[in-house]
All heavy atoms as atom14 arrays in JSON, in Angstrom:
{
  "sequence": "AEFGTTTGRKRRCGWLDMVVMRYSHVINDYSSINLTKLDVLDKLP",
  "atom14_mask": [
    [1, 1, 1, 1, 1, 0, 0, 0, 0, 0, 0, 0, 0, 0],
    [1, 1, 1, 1, 1, 1, 1, 1, 1, 0, 0, 0, 0, 0],
    [1, 1, 1, 1, 1, 1, 1, 1, 1, 1, 1, 0, 0, 0],
    [1, 1, 1, 1, 0, 0, 0, 0, 0, 0, 0, 0, 0, 0],
    [1, 1, 1, 1, 1, 1, 1, 0, 0, 0, 0, 0, 0, 0],
    [1, 1, 1, 1, 1, 1, 1, 0, 0, 0, 0, 0, 0, 0],
    [1, 1, 1, 1, 1, 1, 1, 0, 0, 0, 0, 0, 0, 0],
    [1, 1, 1, 1, 0, 0, 0, 0, 0, 0, 0, 0, 0, 0],
    [1, 1, 1, 1, 1, 1, 1, 1, 1, 1, 1, 0, 0, 0],
    [1, 1, 1, 1, 1, 1, 1, 1, 1, 0, 0, 0, 0, 0],
    [1, 1, 1, 1, 1, 1, 1, 1, 1, 1, 1, 0, 0, 0],
    [1, 1, 1, 1, 1, 1, 1, 1, 1, 1, 1, 0, 0, 0],
    [1, 1, 1, 1, 1, 1, 0, 0, 0, 0, 0, 0, 0, 0],
    [1, 1, 1, 1, 0, 0, 0, 0, 0, 0, 0, 0, 0, 0],
    [1, 1, 1, 1, 1, 1, 1, 1, 1, 1, 1, 1, 1, 1],
    [1, 1, 1, 1, 1, 1, 1, 1, 0, 0, 0, 0, 0, 0],
    [1, 1, 1, 1, 1, 1, 1, 1, 0, 0, 0, 0, 0, 0],
    [1, 1, 1, 1, 1, 1, 1, 1, 0, 0, 0, 0, 0, 0],
    [1, 1, 1, 1, 1, 1, 1, 0, 0, 0, 0, 0, 0, 0],
    [1, 1, 1, 1, 1, 1, 1, 0, 0, 0, 0, 0, 0, 0],
    [1, 1, 1, 1, 1, 1, 1, 1, 0, 0, 0, 0, 0, 0],
    [1, 1, 1, 1, 1, 1, 1, 1, 1, 1, 1, 0, 0, 0],
    [1, 1, 1, 1, 1, 1, 1, 1, 1, 1, 1, 1, 0, 0],
    [1, 1, 1, 1, 1, 1, 0, 0, 0, 0, 0, 0, 0, 0],
    [1, 1, 1, 1, 1, 1, 1, 1, 1, 1, 0, 0, 0, 0],
    [1, 1, 1, 1, 1, 1, 1, 0, 0, 0, 0, 0, 0, 0],
    [1, 1, 1, 1, 1, 1, 1, 1, 0, 0, 0, 0, 0, 0],
    [1, 1, 1, 1, 1, 1, 1, 1, 0, 0, 0, 0, 0, 0],
    [1, 1, 1, 1, 1, 1, 1, 1, 0, 0, 0, 0, 0, 0],
    [1, 1, 1, 1, 1, 1, 1, 1, 1, 1, 1, 1, 0, 0],
    [1, 1, 1, 1, 1, 1, 0, 0, 0, 0, 0, 0, 0, 0],
    [1, 1, 1, 1, 1, 1, 0, 0, 0, 0, 0, 0, 0, 0],
    [1, 1, 1, 1, 1, 1, 1, 1, 0, 0, 0, 0, 0, 0],
    [1, 1, 1, 1, 1, 1, 1, 1, 0, 0, 0, 0, 0, 0],
    [1, 1, 1, 1, 1, 1, 1, 1, 0, 0, 0, 0, 0, 0],
    [1, 1, 1, 1, 1, 1, 1, 0, 0, 0, 0, 0, 0, 0],
    [1, 1, 1, 1, 1, 1, 1, 1, 1, 0, 0, 0, 0, 0],
    [1, 1, 1, 1, 1, 1, 1, 1, 0, 0, 0, 0, 0, 0],
    [1, 1, 1, 1, 1, 1, 1, 1, 0, 0, 0, 0, 0, 0],
    [1, 1, 1, 1, 1, 1, 1, 0, 0, 0, 0, 0, 0, 0],
    [1, 1, 1, 1, 1, 1, 1, 1, 0, 0, 0, 0, 0, 0],
    [1, 1, 1, 1, 1, 1, 1, 1, 0, 0, 0, 0, 0, 0],
    [1, 1, 1, 1, 1, 1, 1, 1, 1, 0, 0, 0, 0, 0],
    [1, 1, 1, 1, 1, 1, 1, 1, 0, 0, 0, 0, 0, 0],
    [1, 1, 1, 1, 1, 1, 1, 0, 0, 0, 0, 0, 0, 0]
  ],
  "atom14_positions": [
    [[83.48, 133.77, -25.39], [84.83, 133.88, -24.87], [85.77, 132.73, -25.28], [86.34, 132.05, -24.48], [84.79, 133.97, -23.3], [0.0, 0.0, 0.0], [0.0, 0.0, 0.0], [0.0, 0.0, 0.0], [0.0, 0.0, 0.0], [0.0, 0.0, 0.0], [0.0, 0.0, 0.0], [0.0, 0.0, 0.0], [0.0, 0.0, 0.0], [0.0, 0.0, 0.0]],
    [[85.81, 132.55, -26.6], [86.51, 131.38, -27.1], [88.05, 131.64, -27.23], [88.56, 131.92, -28.32], [85.88, 131.05, -28.42], [84.44, 130.55, -28.34], [84.37, 129.23, -27.51], [85.33, 128.58, -27.2], [83.15, 128.8, -27.25], [0.0, 0.0, 0.0], [0.0, 0.0, 0.0], [0.0, 0.0, 0.0], [0.0, 0.0, 0.0], [0.0, 0.0, 0.0]],
    [[88.68, 131.51, -26.07], [90.1, 131.58, -26.0], [90.6, 130.32, -25.26], [90.01, 129.91, -24.27], [90.63, 132.77, -25.28], [90.29, 134.07, -26.03], [89.1, 134.74, -25.74], [91.11, 134.59, -26.97], [88.8, 135.94, -26.38], [90.83, 135.76, -27.66], [89.69, 136.46, -27.41], [0.0, 0.0, 0.0], [0.0, 0.0, 0.0], [0.0, 0.0, 0.0]],
    [[91.72, 129.67, -25.71], [92.16, 128.44, -25.12], [92.6, 128.62, -23.62], [93.31, 129.58, -23.34], [0.0, 0.0, 0.0], [0.0, 0.0, 0.0], [0.0, 0.0, 0.0], [0.0, 0.0, 0.0], [0.0, 0.0, 0.0], [0.0, 0.0, 0.0], [0.0, 0.0, 0.0], [0.0, 0.0, 0.0], [0.0, 0.0, 0.0], [0.0, 0.0, 0.0]],
    [[92.3, 127.68, -22.8], [92.69, 127.69, -21.38], [94.22, 127.57, -21.31], [94.84, 128.13, -20.51], [91.98, 126.62, -20.63], [90.53, 126.76, -20.73], [92.34, 126.58, -19.09], [0.0, 0.0, 0.0], [0.0, 0.0, 0.0], [0.0, 0.0, 0.0], [0.0, 0.0, 0.0], [0.0, 0.0, 0.0], [0.0, 0.0, 0.0], [0.0, 0.0, 0.0]],
    [[94.72, 126.64, -22.15], [96.17, 126.33, -22.04], [97.05, 127.31, -22.78], [98.07, 127.84, -22.25], [96.46, 124.98, -22.62], [95.7, 124.0, -21.91], [97.9, 124.54, -22.51], [0.0, 0.0, 0.0], [0.0, 0.0, 0.0], [0.0, 0.0, 0.0], [0.0, 0.0, 0.0], [0.0, 0.0, 0.0], [0.0, 0.0, 0.0], [0.0, 0.0, 0.0]],
    [[96.64, 127.77, -23.96], [97.47, 128.57, -24.81], [97.0, 130.09, -24.96], [97.77, 130.9, -25.35], [97.52, 128.08, -26.27], [96.19, 128.06, -26.8], [98.04, 126.65, -26.25], [0.0, 0.0, 0.0], [0.0, 0.0, 0.0], [0.0, 0.0, 0.0], [0.0, 0.0, 0.0], [0.0, 0.0, 0.0], [0.0, 0.0, 0.0], [0.0, 0.0, 0.0]],
    [[95.7, 130.35, -24.63], [95.16, 131.65, -24.9], [94.88, 131.96, -26.32], [94.37, 133.07, -26.67], [0.0, 0.0, 0.0], [0.0, 0.0, 0.0], [0.0, 0.0, 0.0], [0.0, 0.0, 0.0], [0.0, 0.0, 0.0], [0.0, 0.0, 0.0], [0.0, 0.0, 0.0], [0.0, 0.0, 0.0], [0.0, 0.0, 0.0], [0.0, 0.0, 0.0]],
    [[95.02, 130.93, -27.19], [94.75, 131.16, -28.6], [93.26, 131.31, -28.91], [92.45, 130.69, -28.28], [95.25, 129.95, -29.47], [96.82, 129.85, -29.54], [97.27, 128.81, -30.46], [96.91, 127.45, -29.91], [97.16, 126.34, -30.52], [97.75, 126.41, -31.7], [96.89, 125.17, -29.97], [0.0, 0.0, 0.0], [0.0, 0.0, 0.0], [0.0, 0.0, 0.0]],
    [[92.97, 132.22, -29.81], [91.6, 132.35, -30.26], [91.06, 131.09, -30.96], [91.82, 130.53, -31.84], [91.5, 133.55, -31.23], [90.09, 133.9, -31.65], [90.0, 135.01, -32.74], [90.3, 136.28, -32.09], [90.1, 137.47, -32.99], [0.0, 0.0, 0.0], [0.0, 0.0, 0.0], [0.0, 0.0, 0.0], [0.0, 0.0, 0.0], [0.0, 0.0, 0.0]],
    [[89.89, 130.65, -30.58], [89.36, 129.44, -31.25], [88.55, 129.82, -32.5], [87.89, 130.83, -32.49], [88.44, 128.71, -30.27], [89.12, 128.16, -29.07], [88.17, 127.54, -28.08], [88.9, 127.18, -26.82], [88.38, 127.38, -25.62], [87.25, 127.93, -25.49], [89.12, 127.03, -24.57], [0.0, 0.0, 0.0], [0.0, 0.0, 0.0], [0.0, 0.0, 0.0]],
    [[88.67, 128.96, -33.5], [87.84, 129.13, -34.71], [86.43, 128.66, -34.34], [86.26, 127.75, -33.6], [88.43, 128.34, -35.83], [89.84, 128.7, -36.18], [90.64, 127.58, -36.82], [90.06, 127.17, -38.11], [90.44, 126.15, -38.82], [91.35, 125.33, -38.31], [89.91, 125.89, -40.0], [0.0, 0.0, 0.0], [0.0, 0.0, 0.0], [0.0, 0.0, 0.0]],
    [[85.36, 129.34, -34.93], [84.0, 129.04, -34.55], [83.17, 128.8, -35.75], [83.29, 129.4, -36.77], [83.43, 130.27, -33.69], [84.27, 130.6, -32.2], [0.0, 0.0, 0.0], [0.0, 0.0, 0.0], [0.0, 0.0, 0.0], [0.0, 0.0, 0.0], [0.0, 0.0, 0.0], [0.0, 0.0, 0.0], [0.0, 0.0, 0.0], [0.0, 0.0, 0.0]],
    [[82.13, 127.93, -35.52], [81.14, 127.7, -36.61], [79.89, 127.03, -36.04], [79.75, 126.83, -34.85], [0.0, 0.0, 0.0], [0.0, 0.0, 0.0], [0.0, 0.0, 0.0], [0.0, 0.0, 0.0], [0.0, 0.0, 0.0], [0.0, 0.0, 0.0], [0.0, 0.0, 0.0], [0.0, 0.0, 0.0], [0.0, 0.0, 0.0], [0.0, 0.0, 0.0]],
    [[78.93, 126.71, -36.91], [77.72, 126.1, -36.6], [77.96, 124.6, -36.04], [78.95, 124.02, -36.39], [76.72, 126.05, -37.7], [76.3, 127.4, -38.19], [76.56, 127.94, -39.49], [75.53, 128.35, -37.48], [75.89, 129.17, -39.53], [75.33, 129.46, -38.36], [75.0, 128.45, -36.17], [74.61, 130.62, -37.93], [74.28, 129.58, -35.83], [74.1, 130.61, -36.65]],
    [[77.02, 124.1, -35.31], [77.05, 122.77, -34.86], [77.05, 121.82, -36.08], [76.29, 122.06, -37.06], [75.81, 122.41, -34.02], [75.7, 121.02, -33.42], [76.9, 120.78, -32.46], [74.4, 120.87, -32.64], [0.0, 0.0, 0.0], [0.0, 0.0, 0.0], [0.0, 0.0, 0.0], [0.0, 0.0, 0.0], [0.0, 0.0, 0.0], [0.0, 0.0, 0.0]],
    [[77.89, 120.8, -36.03], [78.11, 119.92, -37.13], [77.66, 118.52, -36.72], [78.34, 117.8, -36.02], [79.62, 119.93, -37.56], [79.89, 119.14, -38.79], [79.16, 118.15, -39.13], [80.97, 119.43, -39.51], [0.0, 0.0, 0.0], [0.0, 0.0, 0.0], [0.0, 0.0, 0.0], [0.0, 0.0, 0.0], [0.0, 0.0, 0.0], [0.0, 0.0, 0.0]],
    [[76.49, 118.09, -37.33], [75.95, 116.82, -36.94], [76.61, 115.62, -37.71], [76.48, 114.48, -37.27], [74.5, 116.74, -37.09], [73.75, 117.72, -36.12], [74.1, 117.5, -34.41], [73.64, 115.8, -34.08], [0.0, 0.0, 0.0], [0.0, 0.0, 0.0], [0.0, 0.0, 0.0], [0.0, 0.0, 0.0], [0.0, 0.0, 0.0], [0.0, 0.0, 0.0]],
    [[77.35, 115.93, -38.77], [78.14, 114.82, -39.45], [79.23, 114.41, -38.43], [79.55, 113.19, -38.23], [78.78, 115.29, -40.72], [79.54, 114.22, -41.42], [77.62, 115.8, -41.68], [0.0, 0.0, 0.0], [0.0, 0.0, 0.0], [0.0, 0.0, 0.0], [0.0, 0.0, 0.0], [0.0, 0.0, 0.0], [0.0, 0.0, 0.0], [0.0, 0.0, 0.0]],
    [[79.93, 115.44, -37.87], [80.95, 115.15, -36.84], [80.34, 114.34, -35.62], [80.83, 113.39, -35.15], [81.56, 116.45, -36.34], [82.39, 116.23, -35.06], [82.46, 117.07, -37.42], [0.0, 0.0, 0.0], [0.0, 0.0, 0.0], [0.0, 0.0, 0.0], [0.0, 0.0, 0.0], [0.0, 0.0, 0.0], [0.0, 0.0, 0.0], [0.0, 0.0, 0.0]],
    [[79.16, 114.81, -35.16], [78.52, 114.19, -34.07], [78.1, 112.75, -34.29], [78.18, 111.92, -33.36], [77.35, 115.03, -33.61], [77.73, 116.36, -32.76], [78.91, 115.97, -31.53], [78.04, 114.67, -30.62], [0.0, 0.0, 0.0], [0.0, 0.0, 0.0], [0.0, 0.0, 0.0], [0.0, 0.0, 0.0], [0.0, 0.0, 0.0], [0.0, 0.0, 0.0]],
    [[77.54, 112.49, -35.49], [77.16, 111.17, -35.73], [78.39, 110.15, -35.78], [78.36, 109.08, -35.29], [76.33, 111.07, -37.05], [74.91, 111.62, -36.91], [74.06, 111.18, -38.12], [74.56, 111.86, -39.36], [74.11, 113.12, -39.75], [73.2, 113.8, -39.0], [74.55, 113.59, -40.87], [0.0, 0.0, 0.0], [0.0, 0.0, 0.0], [0.0, 0.0, 0.0]],
    [[79.42, 110.71, -36.38], [80.68, 109.92, -36.4], [81.23, 109.69, -35.02], [81.66, 108.59, -34.68], [81.65, 110.76, -37.34], [83.04, 110.21, -37.41], [83.39, 109.01, -37.98], [84.14, 111.04, -36.91], [84.74, 108.59, -38.08], [85.46, 110.56, -36.95], [85.69, 109.34, -37.59], [87.06, 108.92, -37.64], [0.0, 0.0, 0.0], [0.0, 0.0, 0.0]],
    [[81.2, 110.71, -34.24], [81.67, 110.68, -32.89], [80.89, 109.61, -32.06], [81.45, 108.85, -31.3], [81.51, 112.04, -32.26], [81.96, 112.09, -30.94], [0.0, 0.0, 0.0], [0.0, 0.0, 0.0], [0.0, 0.0, 0.0], [0.0, 0.0, 0.0], [0.0, 0.0, 0.0], [0.0, 0.0, 0.0], [0.0, 0.0, 0.0], [0.0, 0.0, 0.0]],
    [[79.55, 109.59, -32.25], [78.68, 108.63, -31.53], [78.96, 107.25, -32.03], [78.95, 106.34, -31.17], [77.24, 109.06, -31.76], [76.27, 108.14, -31.11], [76.32, 107.75, -29.83], [75.17, 107.47, -31.59], [75.33, 106.87, -29.45], [74.69, 106.69, -30.62], [0.0, 0.0, 0.0], [0.0, 0.0, 0.0], [0.0, 0.0, 0.0], [0.0, 0.0, 0.0]],
    [[79.24, 107.05, -33.28], [79.47, 105.68, -33.8], [80.69, 105.12, -33.05], [80.69, 103.95, -32.7], [79.81, 105.75, -35.29], [80.49, 104.55, -35.76], [78.41, 105.85, -36.06], [0.0, 0.0, 0.0], [0.0, 0.0, 0.0], [0.0, 0.0, 0.0], [0.0, 0.0, 0.0], [0.0, 0.0, 0.0], [0.0, 0.0, 0.0], [0.0, 0.0, 0.0]],
    [[81.68, 105.89, -32.77], [82.86, 105.44, -32.2], [82.77, 105.32, -30.63], [83.27, 104.34, -30.08], [84.14, 106.36, -32.56], [84.4, 106.3, -34.01], [85.39, 106.06, -31.73], [85.24, 107.37, -34.58], [0.0, 0.0, 0.0], [0.0, 0.0, 0.0], [0.0, 0.0, 0.0], [0.0, 0.0, 0.0], [0.0, 0.0, 0.0], [0.0, 0.0, 0.0]],
    [[82.14, 106.3, -30.01], [82.06, 106.24, -28.52], [80.79, 105.76, -27.89], [80.75, 105.46, -26.74], [82.3, 107.64, -28.05], [83.75, 108.13, -28.15], [84.71, 107.25, -28.07], [84.02, 109.38, -28.33], [0.0, 0.0, 0.0], [0.0, 0.0, 0.0], [0.0, 0.0, 0.0], [0.0, 0.0, 0.0], [0.0, 0.0, 0.0], [0.0, 0.0, 0.0]],
    [[79.68, 105.66, -28.73], [78.42, 105.13, -28.31], [77.93, 105.81, -26.95], [77.87, 105.24, -25.88], [78.49, 103.61, -28.05], [77.1, 102.95, -27.81], [76.08, 103.73, -28.2], [77.02, 101.84, -27.32], [0.0, 0.0, 0.0], [0.0, 0.0, 0.0], [0.0, 0.0, 0.0], [0.0, 0.0, 0.0], [0.0, 0.0, 0.0], [0.0, 0.0, 0.0]],
    [[77.61, 107.13, -27.07], [77.31, 107.93, -25.95], [75.97, 107.46, -25.33], [74.95, 107.26, -26.0], [77.13, 109.41, -26.35], [78.4, 109.95, -26.93], [78.49, 110.43, -28.25], [79.64, 109.95, -26.18], [79.68, 110.9, -28.75], [80.83, 110.54, -26.67], [80.81, 110.93, -27.99], [81.97, 111.42, -28.6], [0.0, 0.0, 0.0], [0.0, 0.0, 0.0]],
    [[75.96, 107.33, -23.97], [74.72, 107.05, -23.25], [73.83, 108.21, -23.27], [72.6, 108.07, -23.34], [75.13, 106.7, -21.75], [76.1, 105.72, -21.76], [0.0, 0.0, 0.0], [0.0, 0.0, 0.0], [0.0, 0.0, 0.0], [0.0, 0.0, 0.0], [0.0, 0.0, 0.0], [0.0, 0.0, 0.0], [0.0, 0.0, 0.0], [0.0, 0.0, 0.0]],
    [[74.41, 109.45, -23.12], [73.6, 110.69, -23.19], [74.66, 111.83, -23.5], [75.87, 111.63, -23.52], [72.87, 110.97, -21.92], [73.78, 111.06, -20.85], [0.0, 0.0, 0.0], [0.0, 0.0, 0.0], [0.0, 0.0, 0.0], [0.0, 0.0, 0.0], [0.0, 0.0, 0.0], [0.0, 0.0, 0.0], [0.0, 0.0, 0.0], [0.0, 0.0, 0.0]],
    [[74.08, 112.96, -23.64], [74.86, 114.23, -24.11], [74.75, 115.3, -23.13], [73.65, 115.51, -22.53], [74.36, 114.64, -25.52], [74.67, 113.64, -26.66], [74.96, 115.97, -25.85], [76.17, 113.41, -26.86], [0.0, 0.0, 0.0], [0.0, 0.0, 0.0], [0.0, 0.0, 0.0], [0.0, 0.0, 0.0], [0.0, 0.0, 0.0], [0.0, 0.0, 0.0]],
    [[75.85, 116.03, -22.94], [75.79, 117.31, -22.2], [76.02, 118.33, -23.37], [77.09, 118.46, -23.88], [76.96, 117.37, -21.23], [77.1, 118.71, -20.53], [78.18, 119.0, -20.02], [76.05, 119.57, -20.59], [0.0, 0.0, 0.0], [0.0, 0.0, 0.0], [0.0, 0.0, 0.0], [0.0, 0.0, 0.0], [0.0, 0.0, 0.0], [0.0, 0.0, 0.0]],
    [[74.94, 119.18, -23.58], [75.0, 120.24, -24.57], [75.4, 121.54, -23.86], [74.6, 121.99, -22.94], [73.69, 120.38, -25.32], [73.68, 121.27, -26.5], [74.44, 120.68, -27.68], [72.18, 121.57, -26.93], [0.0, 0.0, 0.0], [0.0, 0.0, 0.0], [0.0, 0.0, 0.0], [0.0, 0.0, 0.0], [0.0, 0.0, 0.0], [0.0, 0.0, 0.0]],
    [[76.51, 122.09, -24.09], [77.08, 123.16, -23.38], [76.96, 124.5, -24.15], [76.71, 124.52, -25.36], [78.56, 123.0, -22.96], [79.34, 122.96, -24.24], [78.8, 121.71, -22.24], [0.0, 0.0, 0.0], [0.0, 0.0, 0.0], [0.0, 0.0, 0.0], [0.0, 0.0, 0.0], [0.0, 0.0, 0.0], [0.0, 0.0, 0.0], [0.0, 0.0, 0.0]],
    [[77.03, 125.64, -23.38], [77.11, 126.98, -23.9], [75.84, 127.24, -24.81], [75.95, 128.02, -25.81], [78.35, 127.19, -24.73], [79.6, 127.28, -23.82], [80.8, 127.92, -24.54], [81.84, 128.51, -23.63], [82.93, 129.08, -24.36], [0.0, 0.0, 0.0], [0.0, 0.0, 0.0], [0.0, 0.0, 0.0], [0.0, 0.0, 0.0], [0.0, 0.0, 0.0]],
    [[74.74, 126.71, -24.52], [73.5, 126.97, -25.23], [73.19, 128.51, -25.2], [72.62, 129.14, -26.15], [72.36, 126.23, -24.76], [71.03, 126.26, -25.58], [71.26, 125.69, -26.92], [69.91, 125.5, -24.85], [0.0, 0.0, 0.0], [0.0, 0.0, 0.0], [0.0, 0.0, 0.0], [0.0, 0.0, 0.0], [0.0, 0.0, 0.0], [0.0, 0.0, 0.0]],
    [[73.54, 129.19, -24.07], [73.31, 130.62, -23.9], [73.97, 131.48, -24.87], [73.59, 132.6, -25.11], [73.59, 131.01, -22.48], [75.09, 130.75, -22.08], [75.4, 129.52, -22.18], [75.74, 131.62, -21.69], [0.0, 0.0, 0.0], [0.0, 0.0, 0.0], [0.0, 0.0, 0.0], [0.0, 0.0, 0.0], [0.0, 0.0, 0.0], [0.0, 0.0, 0.0]],
    [[75.08, 130.99, -25.48], [75.85, 131.82, -26.43], [75.03, 132.09, -27.67], [75.22, 133.1, -28.36], [77.17, 131.1, -26.8], [77.91, 131.82, -27.88], [78.07, 131.02, -25.49], [0.0, 0.0, 0.0], [0.0, 0.0, 0.0], [0.0, 0.0, 0.0], [0.0, 0.0, 0.0], [0.0, 0.0, 0.0], [0.0, 0.0, 0.0], [0.0, 0.0, 0.0]],
    [[74.0, 131.28, -27.92], [73.15, 131.41, -29.06], [71.93, 132.4, -28.81], [71.1, 132.57, -29.7], [72.65, 130.04, -29.56], [73.71, 128.98, -29.84], [72.99, 127.69, -30.32], [74.69, 129.46, -30.88], [0.0, 0.0, 0.0], [0.0, 0.0, 0.0], [0.0, 0.0, 0.0], [0.0, 0.0, 0.0], [0.0, 0.0, 0.0], [0.0, 0.0, 0.0]],
    [[71.79, 132.81, -27.58], [70.63, 133.56, -27.1], [70.12, 134.65, -28.09], [68.93, 134.83, -28.3], [70.86, 134.17, -25.73], [70.64, 133.17, -24.53], [70.27, 132.01, -24.89], [70.89, 133.62, -23.45], [0.0, 0.0, 0.0], [0.0, 0.0, 0.0], [0.0, 0.0, 0.0], [0.0, 0.0, 0.0], [0.0, 0.0, 0.0], [0.0, 0.0, 0.0]],
    [[71.1, 135.42, -28.6], [70.66, 136.68, -29.33], [70.54, 136.44, -30.86], [70.19, 137.39, -31.57], [71.69, 137.77, -29.12], [71.67, 138.28, -27.67], [72.64, 139.37, -27.47], [72.65, 139.93, -25.98], [73.58, 141.01, -25.77], [0.0, 0.0, 0.0], [0.0, 0.0, 0.0], [0.0, 0.0, 0.0], [0.0, 0.0, 0.0], [0.0, 0.0, 0.0]],
    [[70.77, 135.23, -31.32], [70.78, 135.01, -32.77], [69.33, 134.86, -33.22], [68.52, 134.07, -32.7], [71.53, 133.74, -33.12], [73.06, 133.85, -32.78], [73.76, 132.55, -33.09], [73.68, 135.04, -33.51], [0.0, 0.0, 0.0], [0.0, 0.0, 0.0], [0.0, 0.0, 0.0], [0.0, 0.0, 0.0], [0.0, 0.0, 0.0], [0.0, 0.0, 0.0]],
    [[68.9, 135.54, -34.29], [67.58, 135.37, -34.82], [67.26, 134.05, -35.53], [66.19, 133.58, -35.5], [67.41, 136.49, -35.85], [68.86, 136.87, -36.22], [69.73, 136.58, -35.0], [0.0, 0.0, 0.0], [0.0, 0.0, 0.0], [0.0, 0.0, 0.0], [0.0, 0.0, 0.0], [0.0, 0.0, 0.0], [0.0, 0.0, 0.0], [0.0, 0.0, 0.0]]
  ]
}
């Protein structure tokens, strides 16, 4: 259900990007992660 809360715009979608995530962690130094919407992947082989 990838539509924006504020604008209602359809969101562009793709696979998890760990290059983005490593860069993100370098800057913010996460203590831990909340991985959300794992259930959206339920039916994928």
